[in-house]
Amino acid sequence: MYTIKKLRKYHYEYRLRVFPWLKVWKRAPYTWLKDRFYIETASLLVYFLQKTNIKPNTVTIIYGFAGIACMILFAIPTNTTIILAMLIAFSKGVLDWSDGLLARITGQTSQTGEILDDYGATLNELGFYTGLGFYVAAKTGGLYFYFLIPFLLFMRAASG
């Protein structure tokens, strides 16, 4: 069992080794703050997850479904659903950073996990932009946005 302090240390060392530019606040202040938020929150989440039977791939799948939740909430143009969608859109990265940390500390890294992570990220991207398209279409009354949404999805699929 890892303590929160050891998880934080491990996570910071890993992220800074992979992304050395995260050390420099002036280079990208938003990214610097967001990464600290993700590291701290993911470390806390993994501290509790390591005591359960929840697998890293399960966390990754939940991360993917967060993109679908964002899309649905954005498509319902009320203030409450938009705020919820934005909260999910910003904080879903915690799940993305938790699955890898949980996999590494429990020795459950796998090719399947890497593939699921890529699909989860794509699903989140598509969910966000699709939901945002529905939101803009509903708020502006512009029917052409409904035609742009499938076009955006087609272009994303065509780009690989």
Protein backbone atom coordinates (compact mmCIF):
# COMPACT_ATOMS: atom_id res chain seq x y z
CA MET A 1 0.00 0.00 0.00
CA TYR A 2 1.23 3.40 -0.96
CA THR A 3 0.67 6.41 1.24
CA ILE A 4 -0.65 9.61 -0.27
CA LYS A 5 2.77 11.18 0.19
CA LYS A 6 4.49 8.34 -1.72
CA LEU A 7 1.85 8.42 -4.47
CA ARG A 8 2.30 12.17 -4.91
CA LYS A 9 6.09 11.83 -5.03
CA TYR A 10 5.90 8.97 -7.52
CA HIS A 11 3.38 10.79 -9.68
CA TYR A 12 5.33 14.07 -9.73
CA GLU A 13 8.57 12.27 -10.59
CA TYR A 14 6.92 10.30 -13.38
CA ARG A 15 5.11 13.29 -14.93
CA LEU A 16 8.15 15.57 -14.75
CA ARG A 17 10.32 12.88 -16.31
CA VAL A 18 7.86 12.41 -19.19
CA PHE A 19 6.97 16.11 -19.54
CA PRO A 20 9.99 18.15 -18.33
CA TRP A 21 8.44 21.46 -19.43
CA LEU A 22 5.93 21.13 -16.56
CA LYS A 23 8.63 22.44 -14.24
CA VAL A 24 8.40 25.93 -15.73
CA TRP A 25 5.39 27.94 -14.59
CA LYS A 26 6.09 30.89 -16.89
CA ARG A 27 6.06 28.75 -20.01
CA ALA A 28 2.43 27.66 -19.58
CA PRO A 29 0.76 28.81 -16.34
CA TYR A 30 -2.60 27.18 -17.09
CA THR A 31 -0.99 23.82 -17.89
CA TRP A 32 1.22 24.09 -14.82
CA LEU A 33 -1.78 24.68 -12.53
CA LYS A 34 -3.96 22.09 -14.25
CA ASP A 35 -1.25 19.44 -14.00
CA ARG A 36 -0.77 20.12 -10.30
CA PHE A 37 -4.52 19.79 -9.79
CA TYR A 38 -4.57 16.50 -11.71
CA ILE A 39 -1.54 15.09 -9.89
CA GLU A 40 -2.84 15.98 -6.44
CA THR A 41 -6.40 14.80 -7.11
CA ALA A 42 -5.34 11.64 -8.96
CA SER A 43 -2.97 10.72 -6.14
CA LEU A 44 -5.79 11.06 -3.65
CA LEU A 45 -8.16 9.01 -5.81
CA VAL A 46 -5.58 6.26 -6.37
CA TYR A 47 -4.90 6.14 -2.64
CA PHE A 48 -8.50 5.00 -2.15
CA LEU A 49 -8.69 2.90 -5.34
CA GLN A 50 -5.66 0.82 -4.38
CA LYS A 51 -7.69 -0.51 -1.44
CA THR A 52 -10.47 -1.77 -3.73
CA ASN A 53 -10.79 -4.39 -6.47
CA ILE A 54 -11.33 -1.71 -9.13
CA LYS A 55 -9.03 -2.29 -12.08
CA PRO A 56 -7.23 0.49 -13.97
CA ASN A 57 -9.12 -0.39 -17.16
CA THR A 58 -12.40 0.20 -15.32
CA VAL A 59 -11.23 3.71 -14.46
CA THR A 60 -10.30 4.22 -18.12
CA ILE A 61 -13.75 3.12 -19.27
CA ILE A 62 -15.38 5.52 -16.81
CA TYR A 63 -13.11 8.23 -18.25
CA GLY A 64 -14.44 7.44 -21.72
CA PHE A 65 -18.05 7.62 -20.53
CA ALA A 66 -17.32 11.06 -19.05
CA GLY A 67 -17.01 12.31 -22.64
CA ILE A 68 -20.45 10.96 -23.43
CA ALA A 69 -21.84 12.60 -20.28
CA CYS A 70 -20.31 15.92 -21.39
CA MET A 71 -21.95 15.61 -24.78
CA ILE A 72 -25.37 14.89 -23.31
CA LEU A 73 -25.13 17.68 -20.73
CA PHE A 74 -23.94 20.24 -23.31
CA ALA A 75 -26.80 19.25 -25.61
CA ILE A 76 -29.31 20.24 -22.90
CA PRO A 77 -28.93 24.03 -22.95
CA THR A 78 -29.71 24.97 -19.36
CA ASN A 79 -27.37 26.77 -17.02
CA THR A 80 -27.19 23.81 -14.64
CA THR A 81 -26.32 21.25 -17.30
CA ILE A 82 -23.75 23.54 -18.91
CA ILE A 83 -22.02 24.08 -15.57
CA LEU A 84 -22.05 20.32 -14.90
CA ALA A 85 -20.68 19.66 -18.39
CA MET A 86 -17.85 22.15 -17.86
CA LEU A 87 -17.00 20.65 -14.46
CA ILE A 88 -16.87 17.19 -15.98
CA ALA A 89 -14.89 18.43 -18.99
CA PHE A 90 -12.27 20.01 -16.75
CA SER A 91 -12.04 17.33 -14.08
CA LYS A 92 -12.29 14.18 -16.20
CA GLY A 93 -8.55 14.41 -16.69
CA VAL A 94 -8.19 13.27 -13.09
CA LEU A 95 -9.55 9.88 -14.18
CA ASP A 96 -7.15 9.80 -17.11
CA TRP A 97 -4.20 10.45 -14.84
CA SER A 98 -5.47 8.02 -12.20
CA ASP A 99 -5.77 4.96 -14.42
CA GLY A 100 -2.12 4.98 -15.43
CA LEU A 101 -0.90 5.65 -11.91
CA LEU A 102 -3.08 2.83 -10.54
CA ALA A 103 -1.84 0.48 -13.26
CA ARG A 104 1.81 1.29 -12.57
CA ILE A 105 1.66 0.91 -8.78
CA THR A 106 -0.36 -2.33 -8.94
CA GLY A 107 1.65 -3.84 -11.80
CA GLN A 108 -1.40 -4.01 -14.07
CA THR A 109 -0.11 -2.09 -17.07
CA SER A 110 -1.24 -3.65 -20.34
CA GLN A 111 -1.53 -3.09 -24.05
CA THR A 112 -5.31 -3.16 -23.59
CA GLY A 113 -5.05 -0.31 -21.10
CA GLU A 114 -3.03 1.78 -23.55
CA ILE A 115 -5.57 1.17 -26.32
CA LEU A 116 -8.50 1.95 -24.00
CA ASP A 117 -6.75 5.15 -22.94
CA ASP A 118 -6.45 6.28 -26.56
CA TYR A 119 -10.10 5.45 -27.24
CA GLY A 120 -11.16 7.21 -24.03
CA ALA A 121 -9.30 10.36 -25.07
CA THR A 122 -10.88 10.27 -28.53
CA LEU A 123 -14.33 9.67 -27.08
CA ASN A 124 -13.84 12.62 -24.74
CA GLU A 125 -12.70 14.90 -27.55
CA LEU A 126 -15.59 13.92 -29.81
CA GLY A 127 -18.10 14.14 -26.97
CA PHE A 128 -16.93 17.60 -25.99
CA TYR A 129 -17.03 19.02 -29.52
CA THR A 130 -20.31 17.32 -30.41
CA GLY A 131 -21.99 18.55 -27.25
CA LEU A 132 -20.58 22.02 -27.78
CA GLY A 133 -21.96 21.97 -31.32
CA PHE A 134 -25.43 21.09 -30.03
CA TYR A 135 -25.16 23.83 -27.42
CA VAL A 136 -24.18 26.48 -29.97
CA ALA A 137 -26.92 25.32 -32.35
CA ALA A 138 -29.54 25.56 -29.60
CA LYS A 139 -28.36 28.95 -28.33
CA THR A 140 -27.98 30.61 -31.71
CA GLY A 141 -30.87 28.93 -33.47
CA GLY A 142 -28.55 28.29 -36.41
CA LEU A 143 -29.63 25.05 -38.05
CA TYR A 144 -26.39 24.86 -40.04
CA PHE A 145 -24.59 23.87 -36.82
CA TYR A 146 -26.54 20.61 -36.90
CA PHE A 147 -24.94 19.93 -40.28
CA LEU A 148 -21.49 20.93 -39.07
CA ILE A 149 -21.51 18.44 -36.19
CA PRO A 150 -21.42 15.29 -38.39
CA PHE A 151 -18.93 17.05 -40.66
CA LEU A 152 -16.65 17.65 -37.66
CA LEU A 153 -16.94 14.01 -36.62
CA PHE A 154 -16.19 12.87 -40.19
CA MET A 155 -13.13 15.12 -40.40
CA ARG A 156 -11.85 13.86 -37.04
CA ALA A 157 -12.34 10.25 -38.16
CA ALA A 158 -10.59 10.96 -41.48
CA SER A 159 -7.58 12.49 -39.73
CA GLY A 160 -6.81 9.24 -37.96
